[in-house]
Amino acid sequence: MKGRTLSLVALAGAVVCLGGVAALPRAHAEDAARAVYDFEDGTQGFTPMVMRDGQISPDAESTAAVTKDKNLVKSGAAALAYSYKVESKAVRALAAEMRVPANTAGLRFWIRSDASTSYILSVRPENGPSYDLSF
């Protein structure tokens, strides 16, 4: 079964449209479709990104790392911990381009934060419409 490619962007701290996702690491045709992203074998392609002055680039000031701290893991053995600094005129995002099974009908995720903030989940299927959820 051939998988579909999705671009997933989770924005923290602001409601803004990133436009394109050209700066994301690309999913390759040979990458296997994943039904579960459990982070037990690494960050699985999630990369911190920043937008300043309309330019999107990798965010060297933020980190995406795997944690196995039982207090931070909801299910399985690991979770992805994203740390970033809030600063004026910068929008930070945790982004990934991923391959999911072709029959995927839904998406479940869990976010834990140590501060009150806004999030946007943006899913853009290859050759399909965009879906954005603010919460």
C-alpha atoms as a PDB file:
ATOM      1  CA  MET A   1       0.000   0.000   0.000  1.00  0.00           C
ATOM      2  CA  LYS A   2       1.418   3.342  -1.008  1.00  0.00           C
ATOM      3  CA  GLY A   3       1.561   5.955   1.781  1.00  0.00           C
ATOM      4  CA  ARG A   4       0.492   9.567   1.618  1.00  0.00           C
ATOM      5  CA  THR A   5       2.876  12.417   2.409  1.00  0.00           C
ATOM      6  CA  LEU A   6       1.753  15.060   4.896  1.00  0.00           C
ATOM      7  CA  SER A   7       3.417  18.224   6.068  1.00  0.00           C
ATOM      8  CA  LEU A   8       2.710  18.726   9.756  1.00  0.00           C
ATOM      9  CA  VAL A   9       3.433  22.013  11.480  1.00  0.00           C
ATOM     10  CA  ALA A  10       2.671  22.735  15.130  1.00  0.00           C
ATOM     11  CA  LEU A  11       3.052  26.417  15.908  1.00  0.00           C
ATOM     12  CA  ALA A  12       3.552  27.592  19.441  1.00  0.00           C
ATOM     13  CA  GLY A  13       2.692  30.978  20.836  1.00  0.00           C
ATOM     14  CA  ALA A  14       1.039  32.677  17.853  1.00  0.00           C
ATOM     15  CA  VAL A  15      -1.621  32.278  15.228  1.00  0.00           C
ATOM     16  CA  VAL A  16       0.015  32.803  11.869  1.00  0.00           C
ATOM     17  CA  CYS A  17       0.101  31.150   8.455  1.00  0.00           C
ATOM     18  CA  LEU A  18       3.553  29.936   7.462  1.00  0.00           C
ATOM     19  CA  GLY A  19       2.694  29.776   3.800  1.00  0.00           C
ATOM     20  CA  GLY A  20       5.009  27.152   2.315  1.00  0.00           C
ATOM     21  CA  VAL A  21       6.985  24.506   4.125  1.00  0.00           C
ATOM     22  CA  ALA A  22       9.989  24.471   1.796  1.00  0.00           C
ATOM     23  CA  ALA A  23      12.450  24.519   4.712  1.00  0.00           C
ATOM     24  CA  LEU A  24      11.196  21.189   6.112  1.00  0.00           C
ATOM     25  CA  PRO A  25      13.303  18.052   5.831  1.00  0.00           C
ATOM     26  CA  ARG A  26      11.654  16.142   2.984  1.00  0.00           C
ATOM     27  CA  ALA A  27      10.030  12.717   3.252  1.00  0.00           C
ATOM     28  CA  HIS A  28      11.509  10.454   0.597  1.00  0.00           C
ATOM     29  CA  ALA A  29       9.645   7.935  -1.542  1.00  0.00           C
ATOM     30  CA  GLU A  30      11.633   5.121   0.070  1.00  0.00           C
ATOM     31  CA  ASP A  31      10.588   6.205   3.606  1.00  0.00           C
ATOM     32  CA  ALA A  32       8.127   3.723   5.041  1.00  0.00           C
ATOM     33  CA  ALA A  33       4.687   5.021   5.999  1.00  0.00           C
ATOM     34  CA  ARG A  34       4.311   5.196   9.791  1.00  0.00           C
ATOM     35  CA  ALA A  35       1.014   4.631  11.566  1.00  0.00           C
ATOM     36  CA  VAL A  36       2.519   5.561  14.962  1.00  0.00           C
ATOM     37  CA  TYR A  37       4.996   8.261  15.927  1.00  0.00           C
ATOM     38  CA  ASP A  38       6.092   7.108  19.380  1.00  0.00           C
ATOM     39  CA  PHE A  39       9.570   8.708  19.461  1.00  0.00           C
ATOM     40  CA  GLU A  40      11.094   5.516  20.851  1.00  0.00           C
ATOM     41  CA  ASP A  41      13.669   5.591  18.025  1.00  0.00           C
ATOM     42  CA  GLY A  42      14.433   9.314  17.884  1.00  0.00           C
ATOM     43  CA  THR A  43      12.746  12.557  16.882  1.00  0.00           C
ATOM     44  CA  GLN A  44      11.337  10.876  13.760  1.00  0.00           C
ATOM     45  CA  GLY A  45      11.874  13.877  11.500  1.00  0.00           C
ATOM     46  CA  PHE A  46      10.424  16.607  13.738  1.00  0.00           C
ATOM     47  CA  THR A  47      12.550  19.744  13.411  1.00  0.00           C
ATOM     48  CA  PRO A  48      12.377  23.105  15.201  1.00  0.00           C
ATOM     49  CA  MET A  49      11.767  25.928  12.740  1.00  0.00           C
ATOM     50  CA  VAL A  50      11.592  29.714  13.153  1.00  0.00           C
ATOM     51  CA  MET A  51      10.043  32.463  11.048  1.00  0.00           C
ATOM     52  CA  ARG A  52      11.633  35.925  11.272  1.00  0.00           C
ATOM     53  CA  ASP A  53      11.023  38.756   8.823  1.00  0.00           C
ATOM     54  CA  GLY A  54       8.983  36.413   6.623  1.00  0.00           C
ATOM     55  CA  GLN A  55      11.832  33.894   6.294  1.00  0.00           C
ATOM     56  CA  ILE A  56      11.470  30.286   7.518  1.00  0.00           C
ATOM     57  CA  SER A  57      14.628  28.488   8.621  1.00  0.00           C
ATOM     58  CA  PRO A  58      15.830  25.775  11.008  1.00  0.00           C
ATOM     59  CA  ASP A  59      15.781  27.050  14.605  1.00  0.00           C
ATOM     60  CA  ALA A  60      19.202  26.551  16.196  1.00  0.00           C
ATOM     61  CA  GLU A  61      17.975  28.232  19.404  1.00  0.00           C
ATOM     62  CA  SER A  62      15.234  25.622  20.039  1.00  0.00           C
ATOM     63  CA  THR A  63      15.484  21.890  20.669  1.00  0.00           C
ATOM     64  CA  ALA A  64      13.429  18.834  19.857  1.00  0.00           C
ATOM     65  CA  ALA A  65      14.702  15.859  21.837  1.00  0.00           C
ATOM     66  CA  VAL A  66      13.446  12.504  23.002  1.00  0.00           C
ATOM     67  CA  THR A  67      12.639  12.130  26.694  1.00  0.00           C
ATOM     68  CA  LYS A  68      12.006   8.907  28.568  1.00  0.00           C
ATOM     69  CA  ASP A  69      11.038  10.684  31.799  1.00  0.00           C
ATOM     70  CA  LYS A  70       7.983   8.713  32.994  1.00  0.00           C
ATOM     71  CA  ASN A  71       6.388  11.967  34.223  1.00  0.00           C
ATOM     72  CA  LEU A  72       6.421  13.343  30.660  1.00  0.00           C
ATOM     73  CA  VAL A  73       5.508  10.222  28.653  1.00  0.00           C
ATOM     74  CA  LYS A  74       1.776   9.662  28.154  1.00  0.00           C
ATOM     75  CA  SER A  75       2.024   6.243  26.468  1.00  0.00           C
ATOM     76  CA  GLY A  76       4.858   4.006  25.325  1.00  0.00           C
ATOM     77  CA  ALA A  77       8.441   4.502  26.459  1.00  0.00           C
ATOM     78  CA  ALA A  78       9.293   7.948  25.049  1.00  0.00           C
ATOM     79  CA  ALA A  79       7.955  11.379  24.112  1.00  0.00           C
ATOM     80  CA  LEU A  80       9.180  14.336  22.085  1.00  0.00           C
ATOM     81  CA  ALA A  81      10.189  17.337  24.213  1.00  0.00           C
ATOM     82  CA  TYR A  82      10.225  20.678  22.381  1.00  0.00           C
ATOM     83  CA  SER A  83      11.930  23.615  24.114  1.00  0.00           C
ATOM     84  CA  TYR A  84      11.914  27.118  22.709  1.00  0.00           C
ATOM     85  CA  LYS A  85      12.346  30.728  23.775  1.00  0.00           C
ATOM     86  CA  VAL A  86       9.535  33.219  23.309  1.00  0.00           C
ATOM     87  CA  GLU A  87      10.804  36.359  21.626  1.00  0.00           C
ATOM     88  CA  SER A  88       9.340  39.351  19.862  1.00  0.00           C
ATOM     89  CA  LYS A  89       8.945  39.113  16.074  1.00  0.00           C
ATOM     90  CA  ALA A  90       9.759  35.392  15.946  1.00  0.00           C
ATOM     91  CA  VAL A  91       7.294  32.556  15.354  1.00  0.00           C
ATOM     92  CA  ARG A  92       8.591  29.160  16.354  1.00  0.00           C
ATOM     93  CA  ALA A  93       7.296  25.845  15.052  1.00  0.00           C
ATOM     94  CA  LEU A  94       7.943  22.160  15.412  1.00  0.00           C
ATOM     95  CA  ALA A  95       7.524  20.702  11.946  1.00  0.00           C
ATOM     96  CA  ALA A  96       7.798  17.402  10.109  1.00  0.00           C
ATOM     97  CA  GLU A  97       7.039  16.002   6.715  1.00  0.00           C
ATOM     98  CA  MET A  98       5.842  12.473   7.231  1.00  0.00           C
ATOM     99  CA  ARG A  99       4.455   9.497   5.398  1.00  0.00           C
ATOM    100  CA  VAL A 100       1.299   7.941   6.794  1.00  0.00           C
ATOM    101  CA  PRO A 101      -0.631   4.902   5.537  1.00  0.00           C
ATOM    102  CA  ALA A 102      -2.932   5.681   2.607  1.00  0.00           C
ATOM    103  CA  ASN A 103      -6.065   4.637   4.522  1.00  0.00           C
ATOM    104  CA  THR A 104      -5.408   7.054   7.409  1.00  0.00           C
ATOM    105  CA  ALA A 105      -8.681   8.681   8.464  1.00  0.00           C
ATOM    106  CA  GLY A 106      -7.666  10.480  11.652  1.00  0.00           C
ATOM    107  CA  LEU A 107      -4.887  11.878  13.766  1.00  0.00           C
ATOM    108  CA  ARG A 108      -4.470  11.737  17.568  1.00  0.00           C
ATOM    109  CA  PHE A 109      -1.851  13.579  19.563  1.00  0.00           C
ATOM    110  CA  TRP A 110      -1.197  14.832  23.071  1.00  0.00           C
ATOM    111  CA  ILE A 111       0.495  18.091  24.081  1.00  0.00           C
ATOM    112  CA  ARG A 112       1.682  19.027  27.533  1.00  0.00           C
ATOM    113  CA  SER A 113       2.915  22.540  28.258  1.00  0.00           C
ATOM    114  CA  ASP A 114       4.410  24.198  31.311  1.00  0.00           C
ATOM    115  CA  ALA A 115       2.983  27.595  30.299  1.00  0.00           C
ATOM    116  CA  SER A 116      -0.319  28.835  28.932  1.00  0.00           C
ATOM    117  CA  THR A 117       0.011  29.461  25.198  1.00  0.00           C
ATOM    118  CA  SER A 118      -1.731  29.002  21.844  1.00  0.00           C
ATOM    119  CA  TYR A 119      -1.100  26.171  19.403  1.00  0.00           C
ATOM    120  CA  ILE A 120      -1.972  25.548  15.783  1.00  0.00           C
ATOM    121  CA  LEU A 121      -1.899  22.110  14.228  1.00  0.00           C
ATOM    122  CA  SER A 122      -1.632  22.424  10.461  1.00  0.00           C
ATOM    123  CA  VAL A 123      -1.857  19.341   8.251  1.00  0.00           C
ATOM    124  CA  ARG A 124      -1.294  19.661   4.522  1.00  0.00           C
ATOM    125  CA  PRO A 125      -1.769  16.442   2.541  1.00  0.00           C
ATOM    126  CA  GLU A 126       0.194  16.166  -0.669  1.00  0.00           C
ATOM    127  CA  ASN A 127      -2.121  17.266  -3.493  1.00  0.00           C
ATOM    128  CA  GLY A 128      -4.936  18.002  -1.055  1.00  0.00           C
ATOM    129  CA  PRO A 129      -6.529  20.676   1.104  1.00  0.00           C
ATOM    130  CA  SER A 130      -4.973  22.198   4.236  1.00  0.00           C
ATOM    131  CA  TYR A 131      -6.421  21.609   7.684  1.00  0.00           C
ATOM    132  CA  ASP A 132      -5.668  23.971  10.580  1.00  0.00           C
ATOM    133  CA  LEU A 133      -6.777  23.531  14.185  1.00  0.00           C
ATOM    134  CA  SER A 134      -6.165  26.256  16.757  1.00  0.00           C
ATOM    135  CA  PHE A 135      -6.322  25.427  20.444  1.00  0.00           C
END
